[in-house]
Amino acid sequence: MAGLNALLLMAGLALIGLAGETLFRSKGLFMTVNYPAVFVTDVGSLLRPRAEVRWTNQVDYWTTVRANSLGFLDREPPSPERAAESCHVAVFGDSVVEAKEVQISEKFHVRFEEMAARELPALDVTTSAFGRGGTGQVNQLAWYDEYARHLRPRLVVLVFLPNDFTNNFPFWRLVKSGFDPEHPPFVSAERTEDGGLRLRPPDPDYLRFMLPQVDPPPTPQWKTLVKQISSRSWFLAYAKREYTLHYIEHGRTGAERIARLELLSRHPAYAPWLEDQQTVSKTLAAVGVVNPNNLPMFAEENGGPLYKETLAFTAFALDEFKKRAERDGAALVILASYHVRTPGRNMESDHMRSTDGDGTLALLSEMASERSIPVVDQADFINRQGAELRDARWAHDGHWNLAGHRWAAEALLEYLKQNQELCE
């Protein structure tokens, strides 16, 4: 009897697997991503122009889109003549603007343009977007100079997330991604001899200077077998991804970042920041997670050196964008958004909380106010719609879903309705 039950169980599991495999294959889904990049002189790493990009987390979305001729996931930009005769809006940001998770027609700047055409037709709004994951405003300055300035935008929109503070500072880029700040893949910033800040060009050979990775521990045979099977099975790849998303292991990521910090502690430029044991302990805690946005961790009474430098580099980026906008007769506005935590280990009751309670918005608002840069708060707009921030993100991914893009578009449209003179 026990043998028959086991046989029936195995048969049932096989049928479930077969049904799942058939379903996934019939939908034309894919398991591997495709993100072909090239290096552009004076700009840095971008997508290969007109390349096909496939992106998936194997649970929420399977997206296939094509880059434009500039190397961004957007439509072709309007001609300079068309942009100049319209109210052109140029949008800059990181992964939420690149938005590999949705089709180009579903992105917030495209939705914003469509909404403006219906509700504010006299303004004749056109848009273009420049986004790349892992970048901050410092890195995005080159995109304005090379690709957006000649479009003579009336409005420049900086989409700002909490991790932009740390992305603007080369120290964090090294710790999180393994890039050497002496050989950056994007335009970045550096200290001058007199203590000021200046832009630093990207290094075309940046891949040669990537910090070494920590070798993972030996993989048990059963894990190797599961990996081999799931690499060929859509259904098992989905099941494996579901498990991984809910039971995240941080070991290797944390080990790599700790190794990078040990290397930094011997670097003359960074050693003074890591001499204080308390700072080292906090830094180790900060980088021991998959996606650290831990700026407030260093915000003590007077702020530690890492905290102060992170703010200084971000302030420099805002100043540079402000100078460009004023020089070219454009208005500058910040669209503030938030990463919302995704489900994972030890994150039961609080896994849907946003990061807006950590003081990041207050820091950004203070910086923006000092520079007379308006801030559009996407979270405030979502709350006023009677919705929650978690409704703006994918179930297993902190990036905007379709609703998130729609709310970002509506929030920006609300601002434009109140400031139509920007287009006149």
Protein backbone atom coordinates (compact mmCIF):
# COMPACT_ATOMS: atom_id res chain seq x y z
CA MET A 1 0.00 0.00 0.00
CA ALA A 2 2.82 2.39 0.88
CA GLY A 3 4.47 1.62 -2.45
CA LEU A 4 1.24 2.36 -4.33
CA ASN A 5 0.82 5.68 -2.51
CA ALA A 6 4.38 6.65 -3.33
CA LEU A 7 3.80 5.72 -6.97
CA LEU A 8 0.60 7.77 -7.10
CA LEU A 9 2.39 10.72 -5.49
CA MET A 10 5.20 10.58 -8.02
CA ALA A 11 2.70 10.31 -10.86
CA GLY A 12 0.78 13.31 -9.53
CA LEU A 13 3.93 15.38 -9.23
CA ALA A 14 4.94 14.40 -12.75
CA LEU A 15 1.54 15.46 -14.10
CA ILE A 16 1.74 18.79 -12.27
CA GLY A 17 5.24 19.36 -13.65
CA LEU A 18 4.15 18.42 -17.17
CA ALA A 19 1.13 20.73 -16.97
CA GLY A 20 3.25 23.57 -15.64
CA GLU A 21 5.90 23.05 -18.30
CA THR A 22 3.27 23.03 -21.06
CA LEU A 23 1.68 26.20 -19.72
CA PHE A 24 4.95 28.12 -19.47
CA ARG A 25 6.20 27.05 -22.88
CA SER A 26 2.85 27.88 -24.52
CA LYS A 27 3.17 31.48 -23.30
CA GLY A 28 6.50 31.92 -25.06
CA LEU A 29 8.34 32.81 -21.87
CA PHE A 30 12.13 32.79 -21.53
CA MET A 31 14.55 31.99 -18.73
CA THR A 32 17.67 33.99 -19.58
CA VAL A 33 18.10 37.76 -19.84
CA ASN A 34 19.84 39.61 -22.63
CA TYR A 35 21.34 43.03 -21.90
CA PRO A 36 24.05 43.90 -24.48
CA ALA A 37 26.13 46.91 -23.45
CA VAL A 38 28.73 49.03 -25.21
CA PHE A 39 31.08 51.79 -24.08
CA VAL A 40 30.47 55.30 -25.41
CA THR A 41 33.34 57.78 -25.20
CA ASP A 42 32.69 60.65 -22.74
CA VAL A 43 29.43 59.01 -21.65
CA GLY A 44 30.20 55.52 -20.37
CA SER A 45 28.43 52.19 -20.51
CA LEU A 46 25.10 52.15 -22.37
CA LEU A 47 22.97 49.63 -24.18
CA ARG A 48 24.03 48.71 -27.69
CA PRO A 49 21.92 50.92 -29.98
CA ARG A 50 18.80 49.18 -31.32
CA ALA A 51 19.69 45.98 -29.47
CA GLU A 52 16.97 43.64 -28.27
CA VAL A 53 16.74 43.45 -24.48
CA ARG A 54 15.06 40.55 -22.71
CA TRP A 55 14.40 40.94 -19.01
CA THR A 56 12.65 38.73 -16.47
CA ASN A 57 12.58 37.83 -12.80
CA GLN A 58 10.91 34.55 -13.88
CA VAL A 59 7.89 35.32 -11.74
CA ASP A 60 6.26 38.68 -12.48
CA TYR A 61 7.33 39.74 -15.96
CA TRP A 62 8.98 38.55 -19.15
CA THR A 63 9.72 41.66 -21.21
CA THR A 64 11.27 42.01 -24.64
CA VAL A 65 12.03 45.58 -25.75
CA ARG A 66 14.44 47.27 -28.14
CA ALA A 67 16.86 50.11 -27.39
CA ASN A 68 16.72 53.26 -29.47
CA SER A 69 19.59 54.63 -31.57
CA LEU A 70 21.12 56.32 -28.52
CA GLY A 71 21.28 53.18 -26.36
CA PHE A 72 18.33 53.87 -24.06
CA LEU A 73 15.09 51.92 -23.63
CA ASP A 74 12.85 54.58 -25.12
CA ARG A 75 11.33 55.60 -28.41
CA GLU A 76 13.48 57.50 -30.85
CA PRO A 77 13.86 61.05 -29.54
CA PRO A 78 12.09 63.77 -31.51
CA SER A 79 14.07 65.82 -33.97
CA PRO A 80 15.63 68.97 -32.53
CA GLU A 81 13.18 71.01 -34.61
CA ARG A 82 10.14 69.13 -33.31
CA ALA A 83 11.39 69.23 -29.71
CA ALA A 84 12.09 72.96 -29.90
CA GLU A 85 8.59 73.82 -31.14
CA SER A 86 6.96 71.67 -28.43
CA CYS A 87 7.07 71.70 -24.64
CA HIS A 88 9.74 69.05 -24.41
CA VAL A 89 10.24 67.20 -21.13
CA ALA A 90 13.53 65.31 -20.61
CA VAL A 91 13.51 62.64 -17.88
CA PHE A 92 16.61 61.25 -16.15
CA GLY A 93 16.91 58.40 -13.67
CA ASP A 94 18.14 54.95 -12.81
CA SER A 95 16.40 51.59 -13.16
CA VAL A 96 12.85 52.93 -12.64
CA VAL A 97 13.31 55.18 -15.68
CA GLU A 98 15.06 52.48 -17.69
CA ALA A 99 12.13 50.28 -16.64
CA LYS A 100 13.15 46.98 -18.20
CA GLU A 101 10.13 45.41 -16.51
CA VAL A 102 7.51 46.99 -18.81
CA GLN A 103 7.00 47.78 -22.47
CA ILE A 104 8.09 51.21 -23.66
CA SER A 105 4.48 52.22 -24.28
CA GLU A 106 3.76 51.55 -20.59
CA LYS A 107 6.55 53.70 -19.15
CA PHE A 108 5.59 56.69 -17.08
CA HIS A 109 7.01 59.39 -19.37
CA VAL A 110 5.11 57.95 -22.34
CA ARG A 111 1.92 57.77 -20.28
CA PHE A 112 2.56 61.34 -19.10
CA GLU A 113 2.87 62.53 -22.71
CA GLU A 114 -0.37 60.79 -23.65
CA MET A 115 -2.21 62.24 -20.64
CA ALA A 116 -0.91 65.74 -21.40
CA ALA A 117 -2.08 65.43 -25.01
CA ARG A 118 -5.61 64.70 -23.77
CA GLU A 119 -5.82 67.11 -20.85
CA LEU A 120 -3.39 69.89 -21.84
CA PRO A 121 -3.38 69.79 -25.66
CA ALA A 122 -2.42 73.45 -26.02
CA LEU A 123 0.93 72.79 -24.35
CA ASP A 124 2.00 70.27 -27.04
CA VAL A 125 4.08 68.11 -24.66
CA THR A 126 6.75 65.75 -25.99
CA THR A 127 9.07 63.59 -23.88
CA SER A 128 12.31 61.65 -23.96
CA ALA A 129 13.79 59.46 -21.23
CA PHE A 130 17.37 58.61 -20.31
CA GLY A 131 17.69 55.85 -17.72
CA ARG A 132 20.18 53.19 -16.69
CA GLY A 133 20.13 50.97 -13.61
CA GLY A 134 22.77 51.59 -10.93
CA THR A 135 23.35 55.24 -11.84
CA GLY A 136 22.95 58.44 -9.85
CA GLN A 137 22.52 62.05 -10.90
CA VAL A 138 26.30 62.52 -11.16
CA ASN A 139 26.48 59.78 -13.79
CA GLN A 140 23.43 61.11 -15.65
CA LEU A 141 24.92 64.57 -16.27
CA ALA A 142 26.71 63.26 -19.36
CA TRP A 143 23.40 62.14 -20.85
CA TYR A 144 22.06 65.67 -20.61
CA ASP A 145 25.18 67.14 -22.20
CA GLU A 146 25.41 64.60 -25.02
CA TYR A 147 21.80 63.73 -25.83
CA ALA A 148 19.24 66.06 -24.24
CA ARG A 149 20.61 69.59 -24.38
CA HIS A 150 20.18 69.98 -28.13
CA LEU A 151 16.47 69.08 -27.71
CA ARG A 152 16.06 72.34 -25.74
CA PRO A 153 13.80 70.87 -23.05
CA ARG A 154 11.43 73.21 -21.23
CA LEU A 155 11.34 70.86 -18.23
CA VAL A 156 14.09 68.55 -16.90
CA VAL A 157 12.84 65.85 -14.51
CA LEU A 158 15.22 64.04 -12.16
CA VAL A 159 13.65 60.84 -10.81
CA PHE A 160 15.26 60.46 -7.39
CA LEU A 161 15.24 57.32 -5.23
CA PRO A 162 16.92 56.77 -1.84
CA ASN A 163 19.76 54.77 -3.38
CA ASP A 164 20.70 57.78 -5.55
CA PHE A 165 22.52 59.26 -2.55
CA THR A 166 24.90 56.32 -2.45
CA ASN A 167 25.04 55.87 -6.25
CA ASN A 168 26.41 59.41 -6.57
CA PHE A 169 29.40 58.57 -4.38
CA PRO A 170 32.17 56.38 -5.94
CA PHE A 171 32.92 54.66 -2.61
CA TRP A 172 29.49 53.04 -2.55
CA ARG A 173 29.65 52.16 -6.22
CA LEU A 174 32.83 50.20 -5.52
CA VAL A 175 31.41 48.43 -2.48
CA LYS A 176 28.12 47.51 -4.10
CA SER A 177 29.23 46.71 -7.64
CA GLY A 178 32.97 46.10 -7.51
CA PHE A 179 33.94 48.98 -9.79
CA ASP A 180 37.20 50.75 -9.05
CA PRO A 181 36.48 54.48 -8.47
CA GLU A 182 39.77 55.24 -10.19
CA HIS A 183 38.40 53.55 -13.32
CA PRO A 184 34.65 54.29 -13.41
CA PRO A 185 32.30 52.92 -16.10
CA PHE A 186 30.26 56.16 -16.08
CA VAL A 187 30.99 59.84 -15.72
CA SER A 188 31.51 60.34 -11.98
CA ALA A 189 32.86 62.94 -9.55
CA GLU A 190 36.11 63.27 -7.63
CA ARG A 191 37.74 65.58 -5.12
CA THR A 192 40.16 68.20 -6.39
CA GLU A 193 43.40 69.20 -4.67
CA ASP A 194 41.73 72.24 -3.12
CA GLY A 195 38.87 70.13 -1.72
CA GLY A 196 36.30 70.95 -4.38
CA LEU A 197 34.48 68.52 -6.66
CA ARG A 198 34.74 68.04 -10.39
CA LEU A 199 33.45 65.59 -12.98
CA ARG A 200 35.63 62.65 -13.93
CA PRO A 201 35.38 60.99 -17.36
CA PRO A 202 34.63 57.27 -17.66
CA ASP A 203 37.40 54.77 -18.30
CA PRO A 204 36.94 52.61 -21.42
CA ASP A 205 39.05 49.90 -19.75
CA TYR A 206 37.01 49.79 -16.54
CA LEU A 207 36.38 46.04 -16.83
CA ARG A 208 40.10 45.37 -16.46
CA PHE A 209 40.04 46.94 -13.00
CA MET A 210 37.01 45.24 -11.52
CA LEU A 211 37.71 44.01 -7.99
CA PRO A 212 38.08 40.24 -7.70
CA GLN A 213 35.04 38.28 -6.63
CA VAL A 214 34.99 35.93 -3.69
CA ASP A 215 34.81 32.31 -4.77
CA PRO A 216 31.57 30.72 -3.55
CA PRO A 217 31.77 27.61 -1.37
CA PRO A 218 31.58 24.23 -3.15
CA THR A 219 28.09 23.46 -4.38
CA PRO A 220 26.51 20.20 -3.15
CA GLN A 221 25.73 17.69 -5.89
CA TRP A 222 21.98 17.93 -5.35
CA LYS A 223 22.08 21.70 -5.86
CA THR A 224 24.10 21.23 -9.04
CA LEU A 225 21.48 18.76 -10.29
CA VAL A 226 18.64 21.17 -9.49
CA LYS A 227 20.47 23.96 -11.30
CA GLN A 228 21.01 21.82 -14.38
CA ILE A 229 17.39 20.74 -14.51
CA SER A 230 15.97 24.22 -13.88
CA SER A 231 18.18 25.63 -16.64
CA ARG A 232 16.16 23.52 -19.08
CA SER A 233 12.73 23.70 -17.49
CA TRP A 234 10.55 26.80 -17.51
CA PHE A 235 8.33 25.45 -14.75
CA LEU A 236 11.18 24.45 -12.41
CA ALA A 237 12.96 27.75 -13.06
CA TYR A 238 9.78 29.55 -11.93
CA ALA A 239 9.50 27.38 -8.80
CA LYS A 240 13.18 27.90 -7.98
CA ARG A 241 12.85 31.67 -8.42
CA GLU A 242 9.81 31.76 -6.12
CA TYR A 243 11.78 29.92 -3.44
CA THR A 244 14.81 32.19 -3.85
CA LEU A 245 12.75 35.36 -3.60
CA HIS A 246 11.17 34.27 -0.35
CA TYR A 247 14.27 32.71 1.23
CA ILE A 248 17.09 35.02 0.21
CA GLU A 249 20.65 34.01 1.00
CA HIS A 250 22.99 36.96 1.45
CA GLY A 251 26.19 35.04 2.24
CA ARG A 252 28.16 35.43 -0.96
CA THR A 253 27.07 39.02 -1.57
CA GLY A 254 28.07 40.02 1.95
CA ALA A 255 31.39 38.18 1.69
CA GLU A 256 32.27 39.96 -1.55
CA ARG A 257 31.50 43.36 -0.09
CA ILE A 258 33.43 42.67 3.10
CA ALA A 259 36.42 41.66 0.97
CA ARG A 260 36.12 44.91 -0.96
CA LEU A 261 36.03 46.90 2.27
CA GLU A 262 39.18 45.18 3.47
CA LEU A 263 40.85 46.22 0.22
CA LEU A 264 39.57 49.78 0.63
CA SER A 265 40.97 49.97 4.15
CA ARG A 266 44.44 49.78 2.57
CA HIS A 267 43.65 52.43 -0.06
CA PRO A 268 45.12 55.85 0.88
CA ALA A 269 42.03 57.70 -0.30
CA TYR A 270 39.60 55.65 1.77
CA ALA A 271 41.63 54.44 4.73
CA PRO A 272 40.85 57.54 6.90
CA TRP A 273 37.13 56.79 6.64
CA LEU A 274 37.60 53.22 7.82
CA GLU A 275 39.92 53.81 10.78
CA ASP A 276 37.10 54.24 13.24
CA GLN A 277 35.99 50.78 14.34
CA GLN A 278 32.41 51.90 14.82
CA THR A 279 32.27 53.11 11.23
CA VAL A 280 33.72 49.82 10.01
CA SER A 281 31.16 47.83 11.97
CA LYS A 282 28.30 49.87 10.58
CA THR A 283 29.67 49.63 7.07
CA LEU A 284 29.95 45.86 7.31
CA ALA A 285 26.37 45.71 8.49
CA ALA A 286 25.29 47.99 5.66
CA VAL A 287 26.87 45.97 2.87
CA GLY A 288 25.80 42.58 4.22
CA VAL A 289 22.47 42.80 2.42
CA VAL A 290 21.56 42.45 -1.23
CA ASN A 291 20.41 46.00 -1.95
CA PRO A 292 21.81 48.41 0.65
CA ASN A 293 20.33 51.89 0.83
CA ASN A 294 21.76 52.62 4.24
CA LEU A 295 22.56 56.32 4.16
CA PRO A 296 20.62 57.03 7.40
CA MET A 297 22.72 54.40 9.18
CA PHE A 298 25.60 56.89 9.19
CA ALA A 299 23.53 59.94 10.13
CA GLU A 300 24.59 60.45 13.72
CA GLU A 301 24.59 63.80 15.48
CA ASN A 302 27.29 65.37 13.34
CA GLY A 303 27.39 62.74 10.62
CA GLY A 304 30.36 60.51 9.90
CA PRO A 305 32.77 61.13 7.00
CA LEU A 306 31.07 58.63 4.71
CA TYR A 307 27.71 60.26 5.35
CA LYS A 308 29.04 63.78 4.74
CA GLU A 309 30.78 62.80 1.52
CA THR A 310 27.69 61.04 0.21
CA LEU A 311 25.64 64.19 0.77
CA ALA A 312 28.35 66.38 -0.74
CA PHE A 313 28.53 64.37 -3.97
CA THR A 314 24.73 64.39 -4.31
CA ALA A 315 24.60 68.15 -3.70
CA PHE A 316 27.27 68.59 -6.37
CA ALA A 317 25.15 66.63 -8.86
CA LEU A 318 22.07 68.77 -8.16
CA ASP A 319 24.14 71.94 -8.51
CA GLU A 320 25.45 70.79 -11.88
CA PHE A 321 21.97 69.97 -13.16
CA LYS A 322 20.71 73.31 -11.87
CA LYS A 323 23.49 75.18 -13.70
CA ARG A 324 22.68 73.41 -16.95
CA ALA A 325 18.95 74.03 -16.67
CA GLU A 326 19.41 77.74 -15.93
CA ARG A 327 21.94 78.12 -18.75
CA ASP A 328 19.59 76.50 -21.25
CA GLY A 329 16.37 78.14 -20.09
CA ALA A 330 14.79 74.96 -18.70
CA ALA A 331 12.91 74.38 -15.46
CA LEU A 332 14.21 71.65 -13.15
CA VAL A 333 12.00 69.44 -10.98
CA ILE A 334 12.63 66.32 -8.89
CA LEU A 335 10.19 63.41 -8.90
CA ALA A 336 10.88 61.67 -5.57
CA SER A 337 10.08 57.97 -5.44
CA TYR A 338 10.85 55.04 -3.18
CA HIS A 339 11.97 51.45 -3.36
CA VAL A 340 9.48 49.27 -1.52
CA ARG A 341 10.84 46.21 0.22
CA THR A 342 10.23 42.91 -1.48
CA PRO A 343 9.29 39.72 0.39
CA GLY A 344 12.18 37.83 1.93
CA ARG A 345 13.53 36.11 5.01
CA ASN A 346 12.83 37.81 8.35
CA MET A 347 10.51 40.29 6.65
CA GLU A 348 7.00 39.18 7.57
CA SER A 349 4.99 42.10 8.94
CA ASP A 350 7.20 44.89 7.65
CA HIS A 351 8.10 43.67 4.20
CA MET A 352 5.76 46.12 2.50
CA ARG A 353 6.98 49.24 4.30
CA SER A 354 8.55 51.92 2.14
CA THR A 355 11.83 53.66 2.90
CA ASP A 356 10.19 57.08 3.29
CA GLY A 357 10.36 56.82 7.06
CA ASP A 358 14.16 56.85 7.22
CA GLY A 359 14.60 60.57 6.69
CA THR A 360 15.71 60.31 3.06
CA LEU A 361 12.93 62.54 1.76
CA ALA A 362 13.73 65.15 4.40
CA LEU A 363 17.37 65.20 3.26
CA LEU A 364 16.38 65.47 -0.38
CA SER A 365 13.75 68.13 0.30
CA GLU A 366 16.25 70.22 2.24
CA MET A 367 18.81 70.01 -0.56
CA ALA A 368 16.19 70.84 -3.19
CA SER A 369 14.80 73.76 -1.19
CA GLU A 370 18.26 75.29 -0.84
CA ARG A 371 18.50 75.24 -4.64
CA SER A 372 14.88 76.26 -5.35
CA ILE A 373 14.19 72.92 -7.05
CA PRO A 374 10.55 71.79 -6.68
CA VAL A 375 9.94 68.21 -5.49
CA VAL A 376 7.00 66.11 -6.66
CA ASP A 377 6.40 63.38 -4.08
CA GLN A 378 5.08 60.24 -5.77
CA ALA A 379 4.34 58.56 -2.44
CA ASP A 380 2.20 61.49 -1.34
CA PHE A 381 0.29 61.32 -4.62
CA ILE A 382 -0.30 57.57 -4.22
CA ASN A 383 -1.54 58.04 -0.67
CA ARG A 384 -3.93 60.75 -1.83
CA GLN A 385 -5.43 58.25 -4.26
CA GLY A 386 -6.32 56.02 -1.31
CA ALA A 387 -3.75 53.42 -2.38
CA GLU A 388 -0.62 52.04 -0.71
CA LEU A 389 2.96 52.24 -1.91
CA ARG A 390 3.15 48.47 -2.27
CA ASP A 391 0.45 48.71 -4.94
CA ALA A 392 2.97 50.54 -7.15
CA ARG A 393 5.52 47.68 -7.29
CA TRP A 394 5.72 44.13 -8.53
CA ALA A 395 4.95 41.34 -6.10
CA HIS A 396 8.56 40.08 -6.15
CA ASP A 397 10.40 43.17 -7.40
CA GLY A 398 10.72 46.67 -5.96
CA HIS A 399 10.48 48.42 -9.33
CA TRP A 400 7.31 50.11 -10.55
CA ASN A 401 4.59 47.95 -12.02
CA LEU A 402 1.99 49.34 -14.45
CA ALA A 403 0.17 51.15 -11.64
CA GLY A 404 3.43 52.67 -10.38
CA HIS A 405 4.20 54.08 -13.82
CA ARG A 406 0.66 55.43 -14.15
CA TRP A 407 0.81 57.15 -10.74
CA ALA A 408 4.21 58.66 -11.55
CA ALA A 409 2.74 60.03 -14.78
CA GLU A 410 -0.31 61.41 -13.01
CA ALA A 411 1.79 63.02 -10.27
CA LEU A 412 3.96 64.79 -12.84
CA LEU A 413 0.89 65.83 -14.85
CA GLU A 414 -0.63 67.31 -11.70
CA TYR A 415 2.51 69.42 -11.27
CA LEU A 416 2.44 70.57 -14.89
CA LYS A 417 -1.24 71.56 -14.62
CA GLN A 418 -0.31 73.79 -11.71
CA ASN A 419 2.69 75.25 -13.57
CA GLN A 420 1.62 75.53 -17.19
CA GLU A 421 3.71 78.66 -17.60
CA LEU A 422 6.76 76.38 -17.83
CA CYS A 423 5.67 75.53 -21.37
CA GLU A 424 4.92 79.07 -22.49
